[in-house]
Structures are given as structure tokens and as C-alpha cells.
Amino acid sequence: MSETDCEHVLRQIELYLDGELVGVERVEIERHLEGCNPCSGHSEFQSRLKDMLRAKCGCDSVPDTLVERIRSVTVQLHHHEPPPSV
């Protein structure tokens, strides 16, 4: 795998692990992880860390409206659009 591919995957790994990537982007990340031991190892580490934090820290429920606002801003930032004014 090229260094650029790995850099892209590692920038997207949190979204991938959280189930936020869909379609072609998700498939591309999965294919890369299947063939790249360093990225696969990093993904596995991040996944175990998330599981451990979830188990130890617990989480309060987040209102659906807040989740949607965060997703909206994240998508806009990903596409280099200015976030909506509040």
C-alpha cells in the first residue's frame, strides 16, 4: 500500500469504526485494511480502545438533535463547506 493510501485510511479510521462511512468509502477502507497489516493493526487497537472506554466510562444518552447537528457540521467540514451559523 502507498503511504498516501495509509494516511487517508488513518484519517478516516474513526469514522469507519463508528459506522459513519458508507458505500464506496467504507468498501475502500475495508479493502485497504485487509491488505495492510500496519493499518489493520491500528484499526484493531482503536477498536479495542473504544470498547474499553465504552465499558469503563459509560455514556449518557446524547439527544438526537445534537447528533444530527454534529453530523451535519462534520459532513460540511469534510466537504470544505462553511458550517451553518447558530
Protein backbone atom coordinates (compact mmCIF):
# COMPACT_ATOMS: atom_id res chain seq x y z
CA MET A 1 0.00 0.00 0.00
CA SER A 2 1.21 3.50 -0.64
CA GLU A 3 1.90 5.94 2.14
CA THR A 4 -0.86 8.20 0.80
CA ASP A 5 -3.39 5.37 0.98
CA CYS A 6 -2.37 4.66 4.56
CA GLU A 7 -2.59 8.35 5.50
CA HIS A 8 -6.09 8.55 4.02
CA VAL A 9 -7.22 5.39 5.83
CA LEU A 10 -5.81 6.54 9.16
CA ARG A 11 -7.59 9.91 8.80
CA GLN A 12 -10.87 8.05 8.19
CA ILE A 13 -10.43 5.20 10.67
CA GLU A 14 -12.52 6.76 13.47
CA LEU A 15 -15.45 7.35 11.11
CA TYR A 16 -15.08 3.80 9.82
CA LEU A 17 -15.03 2.26 13.29
CA ASP A 18 -18.03 4.33 14.35
CA GLY A 19 -20.03 3.15 11.32
CA GLU A 20 -20.14 6.64 9.85
CA LEU A 21 -18.68 5.67 6.46
CA VAL A 22 -20.99 4.10 3.90
CA GLY A 23 -20.86 2.89 0.33
CA VAL A 24 -17.67 3.14 -1.68
CA GLU A 25 -15.71 4.89 1.07
CA ARG A 26 -16.41 2.07 3.53
CA VAL A 27 -15.54 -0.62 0.97
CA GLU A 28 -12.27 1.14 0.10
CA ILE A 29 -11.26 1.31 3.76
CA GLU A 30 -12.17 -2.37 4.29
CA ARG A 31 -10.14 -3.45 1.25
CA HIS A 32 -7.16 -1.44 2.42
CA LEU A 33 -7.34 -2.90 5.93
CA GLU A 34 -7.45 -6.44 4.50
CA GLY A 35 -4.13 -5.90 2.71
CA CYS A 36 -2.25 -3.56 5.05
CA ASN A 37 -1.03 -5.01 8.33
CA PRO A 38 0.04 -1.68 9.91
CA CYS A 39 -3.34 -0.01 9.21
CA SER A 40 -5.21 -3.15 10.23
CA GLY A 41 -3.27 -3.24 13.50
CA HIS A 42 -4.03 0.43 14.14
CA SER A 43 -7.71 -0.18 13.40
CA GLU A 44 -7.81 -3.15 15.79
CA PHE A 45 -6.08 -1.12 18.52
CA GLN A 46 -8.51 1.79 18.10
CA SER A 47 -11.47 -0.59 18.15
CA ARG A 48 -10.30 -2.26 21.38
CA LEU A 49 -9.60 1.15 22.94
CA LYS A 50 -13.12 2.35 22.07
CA ASP A 51 -14.60 -0.84 23.54
CA MET A 52 -12.60 -0.45 26.74
CA LEU A 53 -13.53 3.23 27.14
CA ARG A 54 -17.18 2.44 26.49
CA ALA A 55 -17.12 -0.32 29.11
CA LYS A 56 -15.22 1.69 31.75
CA CYS A 57 -16.63 5.16 31.27
CA GLY A 58 -20.21 4.54 30.30
CA CYS A 59 -22.02 7.09 28.24
CA ASP A 60 -25.00 9.29 28.83
CA SER A 61 -27.55 9.46 26.07
CA VAL A 62 -26.98 12.21 23.56
CA PRO A 63 -30.05 13.98 22.18
CA ASP A 64 -30.80 13.07 18.55
CA THR A 65 -30.83 16.75 17.59
CA LEU A 66 -27.25 17.18 18.85
CA VAL A 67 -26.10 14.08 16.98
CA GLU A 68 -27.63 15.40 13.75
CA ARG A 69 -26.02 18.84 14.21
CA ILE A 70 -22.62 17.25 14.76
CA ARG A 71 -23.04 15.00 11.71
CA SER A 72 -24.09 17.97 9.60
CA VAL A 73 -21.08 20.04 10.62
CA THR A 74 -18.74 17.07 10.14
CA VAL A 75 -20.03 16.47 6.61
CA GLN A 76 -19.71 20.15 5.78
CA LEU A 77 -16.15 20.29 7.11
CA HIS A 78 -15.30 17.11 5.21
CA HIS A 79 -16.54 18.79 2.02
CA HIS A 80 -14.89 22.10 2.99
CA GLU A 81 -18.18 23.95 3.33
CA PRO A 82 -18.64 26.63 5.99
CA PRO A 83 -20.69 25.37 8.96
CA PRO A 84 -24.15 26.92 9.45
CA SER A 85 -24.33 29.86 11.80
CA VAL A 86 -26.07 29.16 15.08
